Amino acid sequence: ILLNALYFKGNWTTPFGVGGTTSMNFKPMDGDSVKVDMMHMHSR
């Protein structure tokens, strides 16, 4: 058995603020829109 294991963990250089996350609609490829936790950041 030949195996490769790959792992990556990185923090955003500019993280999203937790307070900026809100519930919003996401339209999948099929089916109706669903509510998701949408992260938000404005790069002023």
PDB file of all heavy atoms in Angstrom:
ATOM      1  N   ILE A   1       0.856  -1.186   0.000  1.00  0.00           N
ATOM      2  CA  ILE A   1       0.000   0.000   0.000  1.00  0.00           C
ATOM      3  C   ILE A   1       0.892   1.236   0.000  1.00  0.00           C
ATOM      4  O   ILE A   1       1.757   1.393   0.875  1.00  0.00           O
ATOM      5  CB  ILE A   1      -0.940   0.016   1.220  1.00  0.00           C
ATOM      6  CG1 ILE A   1      -1.850  -1.216   1.214  1.00  0.00           C
ATOM      7  CG2 ILE A   1      -1.783   1.295   1.227  1.00  0.00           C
ATOM      8  CD1 ILE A   1      -2.696  -1.361   2.465  1.00  0.00           C
ATOM      9  N   LEU A   2       0.692   2.115  -1.006  1.00  0.00           N
ATOM     10  CA  LEU A   2       1.390   3.397  -1.066  1.00  0.00           C
ATOM     11  C   LEU A   2       0.456   4.466  -0.526  1.00  0.00           C
ATOM     12  O   LEU A   2      -0.683   4.580  -0.979  1.00  0.00           O
ATOM     13  CB  LEU A   2       1.766   3.745  -2.513  1.00  0.00           C
ATOM     14  CG  LEU A   2       2.413   2.667  -3.378  1.00  0.00           C
ATOM     15  CD1 LEU A   2       2.670   3.200  -4.779  1.00  0.00           C
ATOM     16  CD2 LEU A   2       3.699   2.193  -2.750  1.00  0.00           C
ATOM     17  N   LEU A   3       0.926   5.266   0.413  1.00  0.00           N
ATOM     18  CA  LEU A   3       0.066   6.270   1.032  1.00  0.00           C
ATOM     19  C   LEU A   3       0.704   7.649   1.006  1.00  0.00           C
ATOM     20  O   LEU A   3       1.909   7.789   1.243  1.00  0.00           O
ATOM     21  CB  LEU A   3      -0.212   5.903   2.496  1.00  0.00           C
ATOM     22  CG  LEU A   3      -1.273   4.850   2.794  1.00  0.00           C
ATOM     23  CD1 LEU A   3      -1.359   4.631   4.299  1.00  0.00           C
ATOM     24  CD2 LEU A   3      -2.622   5.263   2.247  1.00  0.00           C
ATOM     25  N   ASN A   4      -0.106   8.643   0.717  1.00  0.00           N
ATOM     26  CA  ASN A   4       0.269  10.034   0.956  1.00  0.00           C
ATOM     27  C   ASN A   4      -0.755  10.654   1.879  1.00  0.00           C
ATOM     28  O   ASN A   4      -1.966  10.479   1.694  1.00  0.00           O
ATOM     29  CB  ASN A   4       0.323  10.857  -0.335  1.00  0.00           C
ATOM     30  CG  ASN A   4       0.484  12.354  -0.037  1.00  0.00           C
ATOM     31  OD1 ASN A   4      -0.500  13.084   0.096  1.00  0.00           O
ATOM     32  ND2 ASN A   4       1.726  12.794   0.118  1.00  0.00           N
ATOM     33  N   ALA A   5      -0.280  11.359   2.883  1.00  0.00           N
ATOM     34  CA  ALA A   5      -1.147  12.129   3.775  1.00  0.00           C
ATOM     35  C   ALA A   5      -0.765  13.594   3.659  1.00  0.00           C
ATOM     36  O   ALA A   5       0.424  13.935   3.696  1.00  0.00           O
ATOM     37  CB  ALA A   5      -1.004  11.653   5.217  1.00  0.00           C
ATOM     38  N   LEU A   6      -1.761  14.453   3.495  1.00  0.00           N
ATOM     39  CA  LEU A   6      -1.520  15.883   3.311  1.00  0.00           C
ATOM     40  C   LEU A   6      -2.411  16.656   4.272  1.00  0.00           C
ATOM     41  O   LEU A   6      -3.616  16.379   4.373  1.00  0.00           O
ATOM     42  CB  LEU A   6      -1.839  16.281   1.864  1.00  0.00           C
ATOM     43  CG  LEU A   6      -1.491  17.702   1.424  1.00  0.00           C
ATOM     44  CD1 LEU A   6       0.011  17.929   1.473  1.00  0.00           C
ATOM     45  CD2 LEU A   6      -1.998  17.959   0.009  1.00  0.00           C
ATOM     46  N   TYR A   7      -1.814  17.609   4.976  1.00  0.00           N
ATOM     47  CA  TYR A   7      -2.562  18.406   5.957  1.00  0.00           C
ATOM     48  C   TYR A   7      -2.177  19.865   5.824  1.00  0.00           C
ATOM     49  O   TYR A   7      -0.990  20.201   5.670  1.00  0.00           O
ATOM     50  CB  TYR A   7      -2.261  17.919   7.374  1.00  0.00           C
ATOM     51  CG  TYR A   7      -2.934  18.736   8.456  1.00  0.00           C
ATOM     52  CD1 TYR A   7      -4.297  18.588   8.733  1.00  0.00           C
ATOM     53  CD2 TYR A   7      -2.210  19.664   9.202  1.00  0.00           C
ATOM     54  CE1 TYR A   7      -4.913  19.340   9.720  1.00  0.00           C
ATOM     55  CE2 TYR A   7      -2.824  20.418  10.195  1.00  0.00           C
ATOM     56  CZ  TYR A   7      -4.178  20.259  10.441  1.00  0.00           C
ATOM     57  OH  TYR A   7      -4.800  21.005  11.428  1.00  0.00           O
ATOM     58  N   PHE A   8      -3.188  20.731   5.877  1.00  0.00           N
ATOM     59  CA  PHE A   8      -2.955  22.172   5.805  1.00  0.00           C
ATOM     60  C   PHE A   8      -3.874  22.881   6.789  1.00  0.00           C
ATOM     61  O   PHE A   8      -5.064  22.561   6.888  1.00  0.00           O
ATOM     62  CB  PHE A   8      -3.237  22.702   4.390  1.00  0.00           C
ATOM     63  CG  PHE A   8      -3.155  24.208   4.282  1.00  0.00           C
ATOM     64  CD1 PHE A   8      -1.938  24.843   4.114  1.00  0.00           C
ATOM     65  CD2 PHE A   8      -4.300  24.990   4.364  1.00  0.00           C
ATOM     66  CE1 PHE A   8      -1.852  26.228   4.026  1.00  0.00           C
ATOM     67  CE2 PHE A   8      -4.234  26.371   4.290  1.00  0.00           C
ATOM     68  CZ  PHE A   8      -3.006  26.990   4.114  1.00  0.00           C
ATOM     69  N   LYS A   9      -3.313  23.808   7.530  1.00  0.00           N
ATOM     70  CA  LYS A   9      -4.119  24.661   8.399  1.00  0.00           C
ATOM     71  C   LYS A   9      -3.534  26.062   8.369  1.00  0.00           C
ATOM     72  O   LYS A   9      -2.348  26.264   8.615  1.00  0.00           O
ATOM     73  CB  LYS A   9      -4.145  24.147   9.842  1.00  0.00           C
ATOM     74  CG  LYS A   9      -5.080  24.966  10.733  1.00  0.00           C
ATOM     75  CD  LYS A   9      -5.189  24.370  12.129  1.00  0.00           C
ATOM     76  CE  LYS A   9      -6.189  25.153  12.975  1.00  0.00           C
ATOM     77  NZ  LYS A   9      -6.318  24.568  14.341  1.00  0.00           N
ATOM     78  N   GLY A  10      -4.366  27.016   8.014  1.00  0.00           N
ATOM     79  CA  GLY A  10      -3.909  28.393   7.944  1.00  0.00           C
ATOM     80  C   GLY A  10      -4.982  29.352   8.408  1.00  0.00           C
ATOM     81  O   GLY A  10      -6.166  29.164   8.105  1.00  0.00           O
ATOM     82  N   ASN A  11      -4.568  30.350   9.152  1.00  0.00           N
ATOM     83  CA  ASN A  11      -5.476  31.440   9.523  1.00  0.00           C
ATOM     84  C   ASN A  11      -5.416  32.507   8.446  1.00  0.00           C
ATOM     85  O   ASN A  11      -4.346  32.774   7.868  1.00  0.00           O
ATOM     86  CB  ASN A  11      -5.081  32.038  10.875  1.00  0.00           C
ATOM     87  CG  ASN A  11      -5.352  31.085  12.023  1.00  0.00           C
ATOM     88  OD1 ASN A  11      -6.220  30.221  11.939  1.00  0.00           O
ATOM     89  ND2 ASN A  11      -4.601  31.223  13.099  1.00  0.00           N
ATOM     90  N   TRP A  12      -6.569  33.110   8.153  1.00  0.00           N
ATOM     91  CA  TRP A  12      -6.583  34.202   7.188  1.00  0.00           C
ATOM     92  C   TRP A  12      -5.607  35.293   7.617  1.00  0.00           C
ATOM     93  O   TRP A  12      -5.506  35.618   8.805  1.00  0.00           O
ATOM     94  CB  TRP A  12      -7.972  34.819   7.065  1.00  0.00           C
ATOM     95  CG  TRP A  12      -9.096  33.897   6.735  1.00  0.00           C
ATOM     96  CD1 TRP A  12     -10.222  33.682   7.477  1.00  0.00           C
ATOM     97  CD2 TRP A  12      -9.237  33.070   5.564  1.00  0.00           C
ATOM     98  NE1 TRP A  12     -11.043  32.780   6.853  1.00  0.00           N
ATOM     99  CE2 TRP A  12     -10.463  32.383   5.672  1.00  0.00           C
ATOM    100  CE3 TRP A  12      -8.431  32.847   4.441  1.00  0.00           C
ATOM    101  CZ2 TRP A  12     -10.908  31.495   4.706  1.00  0.00           C
ATOM    102  CZ3 TRP A  12      -8.869  31.954   3.478  1.00  0.00           C
ATOM    103  CH2 TRP A  12     -10.100  31.292   3.607  1.00  0.00           C
ATOM    104  N   THR A  13      -4.896  35.880   6.675  1.00  0.00           N
ATOM    105  CA  THR A  13      -4.053  37.026   6.991  1.00  0.00           C
ATOM    106  C   THR A  13      -4.902  38.143   7.576  1.00  0.00           C
ATOM    107  O   THR A  13      -4.501  38.820   8.526  1.00  0.00           O
ATOM    108  CB  THR A  13      -3.337  37.521   5.719  1.00  0.00           C
ATOM    109  OG1 THR A  13      -2.608  36.428   5.134  1.00  0.00           O
ATOM    110  CG2 THR A  13      -2.378  38.643   6.040  1.00  0.00           C
ATOM    111  N   THR A  14      -6.084  38.324   7.013  1.00  0.00           N
ATOM    112  CA  THR A  14      -7.079  39.257   7.562  1.00  0.00           C
ATOM    113  C   THR A  14      -8.319  38.456   7.910  1.00  0.00           C
ATOM    114  O   THR A  14      -9.098  38.085   7.019  1.00  0.00           O
ATOM    115  CB  THR A  14      -7.441  40.347   6.538  1.00  0.00           C
ATOM    116  OG1 THR A  14      -6.252  41.016   6.098  1.00  0.00           O
ATOM    117  CG2 THR A  14      -8.399  41.359   7.151  1.00  0.00           C
ATOM    118  N   PRO A  15      -8.524  38.123   9.186  1.00  0.00           N
ATOM    119  CA  PRO A  15      -9.656  37.264   9.558  1.00  0.00           C
ATOM    120  C   PRO A  15     -10.987  37.984   9.440  1.00  0.00           C
ATOM    121  O   PRO A  15     -11.061  39.221   9.503  1.00  0.00           O
ATOM    122  CB  PRO A  15      -9.353  36.896  11.011  1.00  0.00           C
ATOM    123  CG  PRO A  15      -8.499  38.014  11.516  1.00  0.00           C
ATOM    124  CD  PRO A  15      -7.683  38.473  10.343  1.00  0.00           C
ATOM    125  N   PHE A  16     -12.039  37.203   9.252  1.00  0.00           N
ATOM    126  CA  PHE A  16     -13.385  37.732   9.287  1.00  0.00           C
ATOM    127  C   PHE A  16     -13.786  37.935  10.754  1.00  0.00           C
ATOM    128  O   PHE A  16     -13.485  37.104  11.603  1.00  0.00           O
ATOM    129  CB  PHE A  16     -14.373  36.754   8.648  1.00  0.00           C
ATOM    130  CG  PHE A  16     -14.226  36.606   7.168  1.00  0.00           C
ATOM    131  CD1 PHE A  16     -13.233  35.807   6.623  1.00  0.00           C
ATOM    132  CD2 PHE A  16     -15.087  37.267   6.302  1.00  0.00           C
ATOM    133  CE1 PHE A  16     -13.096  35.659   5.250  1.00  0.00           C
ATOM    134  CE2 PHE A  16     -14.963  37.131   4.930  1.00  0.00           C
ATOM    135  CZ  PHE A  16     -13.964  36.330   4.408  1.00  0.00           C
ATOM    136  N   GLY A  17     -14.462  39.017  11.024  1.00  0.00           N
ATOM    137  CA  GLY A  17     -14.963  39.221  12.373  1.00  0.00           C
ATOM    138  C   GLY A  17     -16.155  38.310  12.636  1.00  0.00           C
ATOM    139  O   GLY A  17     -17.057  38.196  11.800  1.00  0.00           O
ATOM    140  N   VAL A  18     -16.150  37.628  13.792  1.00  0.00           N
ATOM    141  CA  VAL A  18     -17.251  36.719  14.123  1.00  0.00           C
ATOM    142  C   VAL A  18     -18.572  37.477  14.146  1.00  0.00           C
ATOM    143  O   VAL A  18     -19.614  36.966  13.730  1.00  0.00           O
ATOM    144  CB  VAL A  18     -16.984  36.040  15.487  1.00  0.00           C
ATOM    145  CG1 VAL A  18     -18.181  35.176  15.896  1.00  0.00           C
ATOM    146  CG2 VAL A  18     -15.724  35.201  15.417  1.00  0.00           C
ATOM    147  N   GLY A  19     -18.540  38.734  14.602  1.00  0.00           N
ATOM    148  CA  GLY A  19     -19.766  39.530  14.644  1.00  0.00           C
ATOM    149  C   GLY A  19     -20.325  39.855  13.289  1.00  0.00           C
ATOM    150  O   GLY A  19     -21.479  40.253  13.151  1.00  0.00           O
ATOM    151  N   GLY A  20     -19.496  39.677  12.228  1.00  0.00           N
ATOM    152  CA  GLY A  20     -19.965  39.974  10.887  1.00  0.00           C
ATOM    153  C   GLY A  20     -20.662  38.813  10.213  1.00  0.00           C
ATOM    154  O   GLY A  20     -21.193  38.958   9.108  1.00  0.00           O
ATOM    155  N   THR A  21     -20.662  37.641  10.855  1.00  0.00           N
ATOM    156  CA  THR A  21     -21.319  36.470  10.281  1.00  0.00           C
ATOM    157  C   THR A  21     -22.812  36.536  10.540  1.00  0.00           C
ATOM    158  O   THR A  21     -23.259  36.777  11.662  1.00  0.00           O
ATOM    159  CB  THR A  21     -20.740  35.177  10.884  1.00  0.00           C
ATOM    160  OG1 THR A  21     -19.346  35.117  10.570  1.00  0.00           O
ATOM    161  CG2 THR A  21     -21.427  33.950  10.325  1.00  0.00           C
ATOM    162  N   THR A  22     -23.587  36.319   9.479  1.00  0.00           N
ATOM    163  CA  THR A  22     -25.033  36.397   9.603  1.00  0.00           C
ATOM    164  C   THR A  22     -25.690  35.331   8.754  1.00  0.00           C
ATOM    165  O   THR A  22     -25.076  34.781   7.832  1.00  0.00           O
ATOM    166  CB  THR A  22     -25.529  37.795   9.163  1.00  0.00           C
ATOM    167  OG1 THR A  22     -26.930  37.904   9.414  1.00  0.00           O
ATOM    168  CG2 THR A  22     -25.257  38.029   7.697  1.00  0.00           C
ATOM    169  N   SER A  23     -26.931  35.016   9.055  1.00  0.00           N
ATOM    170  CA  SER A  23     -27.669  34.015   8.292  1.00  0.00           C
ATOM    171  C   SER A  23     -28.185  34.642   7.002  1.00  0.00           C
ATOM    172  O   SER A  23     -28.868  35.664   7.021  1.00  0.00           O
ATOM    173  CB  SER A  23     -28.835  33.480   9.126  1.00  0.00           C
ATOM    174  OG  SER A  23     -29.568  32.525   8.393  1.00  0.00           O
ATOM    175  N   MET A  24     -27.842  34.015   5.865  1.00  0.00           N
ATOM    176  CA  MET A  24     -28.266  34.517   4.568  1.00  0.00           C
ATOM    177  C   MET A  24     -28.646  33.352   3.668  1.00  0.00           C
ATOM    178  O   MET A  24     -28.318  32.194   3.954  1.00  0.00           O
ATOM    179  CB  MET A  24     -27.150  35.339   3.906  1.00  0.00           C
ATOM    180  CG  MET A  24     -26.762  36.597   4.664  1.00  0.00           C
ATOM    181  SD  MET A  24     -25.460  37.560   3.812  1.00  0.00           S
ATOM    182  CE  MET A  24     -26.343  38.091   2.350  1.00  0.00           C
ATOM    183  N   ASN A  25     -29.328  33.651   2.574  1.00  0.00           N
ATOM    184  CA  ASN A  25     -29.725  32.612   1.629  1.00  0.00           C
ATOM    185  C   ASN A  25     -28.551  32.222   0.731  1.00  0.00           C
ATOM    186  O   ASN A  25     -27.764  33.064   0.303  1.00  0.00           O
ATOM    187  CB  ASN A  25     -30.885  33.094   0.754  1.00  0.00           C
ATOM    188  CG  ASN A  25     -32.193  33.118   1.495  1.00  0.00           C
ATOM    189  OD1 ASN A  25     -32.423  32.320   2.408  1.00  0.00           O
ATOM    190  ND2 ASN A  25     -33.076  34.036   1.134  1.00  0.00           N
ATOM    191  N   PHE A  26     -28.453  30.922   0.451  1.00  0.00           N
ATOM    192  CA  PHE A  26     -27.497  30.379  -0.511  1.00  0.00           C
ATOM    193  C   PHE A  26     -28.281  29.533  -1.491  1.00  0.00           C
ATOM    194  O   PHE A  26     -29.057  28.668  -1.095  1.00  0.00           O
ATOM    195  CB  PHE A  26     -26.439  29.525   0.207  1.00  0.00           C
ATOM    196  CG  PHE A  26     -25.390  28.953  -0.719  1.00  0.00           C
ATOM    197  CD1 PHE A  26     -24.202  29.627  -0.942  1.00  0.00           C
ATOM    198  CD2 PHE A  26     -25.594  27.732  -1.360  1.00  0.00           C
ATOM    199  CE1 PHE A  26     -23.230  29.110  -1.786  1.00  0.00           C
ATOM    200  CE2 PHE A  26     -24.632  27.210  -2.209  1.00  0.00           C
ATOM    201  CZ  PHE A  26     -23.449  27.897  -2.422  1.00  0.00           C
ATOM    202  N   LYS A  27     -28.097  29.788  -2.787  1.00  0.00           N
ATOM    203  CA  LYS A  27     -28.835  29.059  -3.827  1.00  0.00           C
ATOM    204  C   LYS A  27     -27.970  27.921  -4.352  1.00  0.00           C
ATOM    205  O   LYS A  27     -27.007  28.137  -5.073  1.00  0.00           O
ATOM    206  CB  LYS A  27     -29.206  30.002  -4.968  1.00  0.00           C
ATOM    207  CG  LYS A  27     -30.010  29.323  -6.079  1.00  0.00           C
ATOM    208  CD  LYS A  27     -31.372  28.845  -5.572  1.00  0.00           C
ATOM    209  CE  LYS A  27     -32.250  28.350  -6.712  1.00  0.00           C
ATOM    210  NZ  LYS A  27     -31.771  27.051  -7.272  1.00  0.00           N
ATOM    211  N   PRO A  28     -28.269  26.679  -3.986  1.00  0.00           N
ATOM    212  CA  PRO A  28     -27.476  25.549  -4.476  1.00  0.00           C
ATOM    213  C   PRO A  28     -27.775  25.260  -5.945  1.00  0.00           C
ATOM    214  O   PRO A  28     -28.647  25.884  -6.556  1.00  0.00           O
ATOM    215  CB  PRO A  28     -27.924  24.394  -3.572  1.00  0.00           C
ATOM    216  CG  PRO A  28     -29.320  24.756  -3.186  1.00  0.00           C
ATOM    217  CD  PRO A  28     -29.357  26.258  -3.100  1.00  0.00           C
ATOM    218  N   MET A  29     -27.073  24.284  -6.498  1.00  0.00           N
ATOM    219  CA  MET A  29     -27.272  23.944  -7.906  1.00  0.00           C
ATOM    220  C   MET A  29     -28.669  23.420  -8.173  1.00  0.00           C
ATOM    221  O   MET A  29     -29.235  23.641  -9.236  1.00  0.00           O
ATOM    222  CB  MET A  29     -26.238  22.892  -8.334  1.00  0.00           C
ATOM    223  CG  MET A  29     -24.828  23.402  -8.338  1.00  0.00           C
ATOM    224  SD  MET A  29     -23.709  22.122  -8.931  1.00  0.00           S
ATOM    225  CE  MET A  29     -22.142  22.862  -8.498  1.00  0.00           C
ATOM    226  N   ASP A  30     -29.178  22.671  -7.220  1.00  0.00           N
ATOM    227  CA  ASP A  30     -30.540  22.170  -7.369  1.00  0.00           C
ATOM    228  C   ASP A  30     -31.274  22.364  -6.044  1.00  0.00           C
ATOM    229  O   ASP A  30     -30.684  22.394  -4.982  1.00  0.00           O
ATOM    230  CB  ASP A  30     -30.545  20.685  -7.778  1.00  0.00           C
ATOM    231  CG  ASP A  30     -29.587  19.851  -6.950  1.00  0.00           C
ATOM    232  OD1 ASP A  30     -29.487  20.091  -5.732  1.00  0.00           O
ATOM    233  OD2 ASP A  30     -28.927  18.967  -7.523  1.00  0.00           O
ATOM    234  N   GLY A  31     -32.568  22.526  -6.127  1.00  0.00           N
ATOM    235  CA  GLY A  31     -33.356  22.738  -4.926  1.00  0.00           C
ATOM    236  C   GLY A  31     -33.525  24.205  -4.595  1.00  0.00           C
ATOM    237  O   GLY A  31     -33.019  25.097  -5.287  1.00  0.00           O
ATOM    238  N   ASP A  32     -34.273  24.443  -3.518  1.00  0.00           N
ATOM    239  CA  ASP A  32     -34.562  25.805  -3.094  1.00  0.00           C
ATOM    240  C   ASP A  32     -33.401  26.394  -2.300  1.00  0.00           C
ATOM    241  O   ASP A  32     -32.516  25.689  -1.827  1.00  0.00           O
ATOM    242  CB  ASP A  32     -35.830  25.816  -2.239  1.00  0.00           C
ATOM    243  CG  ASP A  32     -37.049  25.326  -3.011  1.00  0.00           C
ATOM    244  OD1 ASP A  32     -37.094  25.571  -4.232  1.00  0.00           O
ATOM    245  OD2 ASP A  32     -37.930  24.690  -2.396  1.00  0.00           O
ATOM    246  N   SER A  33     -33.433  27.719  -2.145  1.00  0.00           N
ATOM    247  CA  SER A  33     -32.420  28.405  -1.348  1.00  0.00           C
ATOM    248  C   SER A  33     -32.457  27.913   0.092  1.00  0.00           C
ATOM    249  O   SER A  33     -33.519  27.559   0.627  1.00  0.00           O
ATOM    250  CB  SER A  33     -32.660  29.913  -1.376  1.00  0.00           C
ATOM    251  OG  SER A  33     -32.482  30.425  -2.684  1.00  0.00           O
ATOM    252  N   VAL A  34     -31.264  27.872   0.691  1.00  0.00           N
ATOM    253  CA  VAL A  34     -31.152  27.432   2.081  1.00  0.00           C
ATOM    254  C   VAL A  34     -30.422  28.503   2.874  1.00  0.00           C
ATOM    255  O   VAL A  34     -29.637  29.290   2.327  1.00  0.00           O
ATOM    256  CB  VAL A  34     -30.395  26.096   2.186  1.00  0.00           C
ATOM    257  CG1 VAL A  34     -31.178  24.972   1.527  1.00  0.00           C
ATOM    258  CG2 VAL A  34     -29.000  26.208   1.564  1.00  0.00           C
ATOM    259  N   LYS A  35     -30.690  28.549   4.184  1.00  0.00           N
ATOM    260  CA  LYS A  35     -30.017  29.494   5.055  1.00  0.00           C
ATOM    261  C   LYS A  35     -28.627  28.963   5.422  1.00  0.00           C
ATOM    262  O   LYS A  35     -28.477  27.800   5.780  1.00  0.00           O
ATOM    263  CB  LYS A  35     -30.837  29.716   6.328  1.00  0.00           C
ATOM    264  CG  LYS A  35     -32.137  30.476   6.117  1.00  0.00           C
ATOM    265  CD  LYS A  35     -31.876  31.947   5.776  1.00  0.00           C
ATOM    266  CE  LYS A  35     -33.175  32.727   5.698  1.00  0.00           C
ATOM    267  NZ  LYS A  35     -32.928  34.163   5.356  1.00  0.00           N
ATOM    268  N   VAL A  36     -27.615  29.822   5.314  1.00  0.00           N
ATOM    269  CA  VAL A  36     -26.248  29.460   5.692  1.00  0.00           C
ATOM    270  C   VAL A  36     -25.659  30.583   6.533  1.00  0.00           C
ATOM    271  O   VAL A  36     -26.139  31.721   6.514  1.00  0.00           O
ATOM    272  CB  VAL A  36     -25.357  29.218   4.452  1.00  0.00           C
ATOM    273  CG1 VAL A  36     -25.903  28.087   3.608  1.00  0.00           C
ATOM    274  CG2 VAL A  36     -25.204  30.492   3.622  1.00  0.00           C
ATOM    275  N   ASP A  37     -24.598  30.254   7.273  1.00  0.00           N
ATOM    276  CA  ASP A  37     -23.846  31.277   7.997  1.00  0.00           C
ATOM    277  C   ASP A  37     -22.892  31.942   7.013  1.00  0.00           C
ATOM    278  O   ASP A  37     -21.924  31.331   6.549  1.00  0.00           O
ATOM    279  CB  ASP A  37     -23.061  30.655   9.154  1.00  0.00           C
ATOM    280  CG  ASP A  37     -23.952  30.192  10.288  1.00  0.00           C
ATOM    281  OD1 ASP A  37     -25.047  30.767  10.442  1.00  0.00           O
ATOM    282  OD2 ASP A  37     -23.563  29.265  11.018  1.00  0.00           O
ATOM    283  N   MET A  38     -23.172  33.190   6.676  1.00  0.00           N
ATOM    284  CA  MET A  38     -22.388  33.914   5.675  1.00  0.00           C
ATOM    285  C   MET A  38     -21.433  34.878   6.374  1.00  0.00           C
ATOM    286  O   MET A  38     -21.857  35.766   7.130  1.00  0.00           O
ATOM    287  CB  MET A  38     -23.304  34.679   4.732  1.00  0.00           C
ATOM    288  CG  MET A  38     -22.600  35.295   3.536  1.00  0.00           C
ATOM    289  SD  MET A  38     -22.157  34.073   2.271  1.00  0.00           S
ATOM    290  CE  MET A  38     -23.757  33.737   1.513  1.00  0.00           C
ATOM    291  N   MET A  39     -20.133  34.676   6.159  1.00  0.00           N
ATOM    292  CA  MET A  39     -19.129  35.586   6.707  1.00  0.00           C
ATOM    293  C   MET A  39     -19.060  36.843   5.840  1.00  0.00           C
ATOM    294  O   MET A  39     -19.211  36.768   4.626  1.00  0.00           O
ATOM    295  CB  MET A  39     -17.760  34.892   6.746  1.00  0.00           C
ATOM    296  CG  MET A  39     -17.754  33.588   7.530  1.00  0.00           C
ATOM    297  SD  MET A  39     -16.120  32.797   7.598  1.00  0.00           S
ATOM    298  CE  MET A  39     -15.869  32.342   5.874  1.00  0.00           C
ATOM    299  N   HIS A  40     -18.793  37.979   6.477  1.00  0.00           N
ATOM    300  CA  HIS A  40     -18.786  39.241   5.743  1.00  0.00           C
ATOM    301  C   HIS A  40     -17.590  40.080   6.169  1.00  0.00           C
ATOM    302  O   HIS A  40     -17.251  40.140   7.347  1.00  0.00           O
ATOM    303  CB  HIS A  40     -20.075  40.033   6.001  1.00  0.00           C
ATOM    304  CG  HIS A  40     -20.092  41.375   5.332  1.00  0.00           C
ATOM    305  ND1 HIS A  40     -20.439  42.534   5.993  1.00  0.00           N
ATOM    306  CD2 HIS A  40     -19.771  41.753   4.055  1.00  0.00           C
ATOM    307  CE1 HIS A  40     -20.361  43.557   5.160  1.00  0.00           C
ATOM    308  NE2 HIS A  40     -19.963  43.119   3.982  1.00  0.00           N
ATOM    309  N   MET A  41     -16.954  40.717   5.196  1.00  0.00           N
ATOM    310  CA  MET A  41     -15.866  41.650   5.474  1.00  0.00           C
ATOM    311  C   MET A  41     -15.812  42.677   4.354  1.00  0.00           C
ATOM    312  O   MET A  41     -15.867  42.320   3.177  1.00  0.00           O
ATOM    313  CB  MET A  41     -14.524  40.912   5.586  1.00  0.00           C
ATOM    314  CG  MET A  41     -13.321  41.835   5.744  1.00  0.00           C
ATOM    315  SD  MET A  41     -11.771  40.976   6.166  1.00  0.00           S
ATOM    316  CE  MET A  41     -11.841  39.547   5.118  1.00  0.00           C
ATOM    317  N   HIS A  42     -15.689  43.953   4.734  1.00  0.00           N
ATOM    318  CA  HIS A  42     -15.504  45.009   3.747  1.00  0.00           C
ATOM    319  C   HIS A  42     -14.084  45.527   3.881  1.00  0.00           C
ATOM    320  O   HIS A  42     -13.683  46.000   4.936  1.00  0.00           O
ATOM    321  CB  HIS A  42     -16.501  46.155   3.942  1.00  0.00           C
ATOM    322  CG  HIS A  42     -16.563  47.071   2.751  1.00  0.00           C
ATOM    323  ND1 HIS A  42     -15.514  47.891   2.385  1.00  0.00           N
ATOM    324  CD2 HIS A  42     -17.538  47.279   1.820  1.00  0.00           C
ATOM    325  CE1 HIS A  42     -15.840  48.567   1.298  1.00  0.00           C
ATOM    326  NE2 HIS A  42     -17.060  48.225   0.938  1.00  0.00           N
ATOM    327  N   SER A  43     -13.314  45.431   2.812  1.00  0.00           N
ATOM    328  CA  SER A  43     -11.892  45.813   2.852  1.00  0.00           C
ATOM    329  C   SER A  43     -11.729  47.309   2.620  1.00  0.00           C
ATOM    330  O   SER A  43     -11.246  47.754   1.587  1.00  0.00           O
ATOM    331  CB  SER A  43     -11.098  45.025   1.821  1.00  0.00           C
ATOM    332  OG  SER A  43     -11.665  45.182   0.534  1.00  0.00           O
ATOM    333  N   ARG A  44     -12.178  48.098   3.593  1.00  0.00           N
ATOM    334  CA  ARG A  44     -12.082  49.549   3.432  1.00  0.00           C
ATOM    335  C   ARG A  44     -10.629  50.026   3.476  1.00  0.00           C
ATOM    336  O   ARG A  44     -10.251  50.992   2.823  1.00  0.00           O
ATOM    337  CB  ARG A  44     -12.887  50.248   4.529  1.00  0.00           C
ATOM    338  CG  ARG A  44     -14.395  50.039   4.400  1.00  0.00           C
ATOM    339  CD  ARG A  44     -15.161  50.825   5.466  1.00  0.00           C
ATOM    340  NE  ARG A  44     -16.591  50.700   5.267  1.00  0.00           N
ATOM    341  CZ  ARG A  44     -17.325  49.718   5.783  1.00  0.00           C
ATOM    342  NH1 ARG A  44     -16.741  48.787   6.522  1.00  0.00           N
ATOM    343  NH2 ARG A  44     -18.627  49.678   5.567  1.00  0.00           N
TER     344      ARG A  44
END
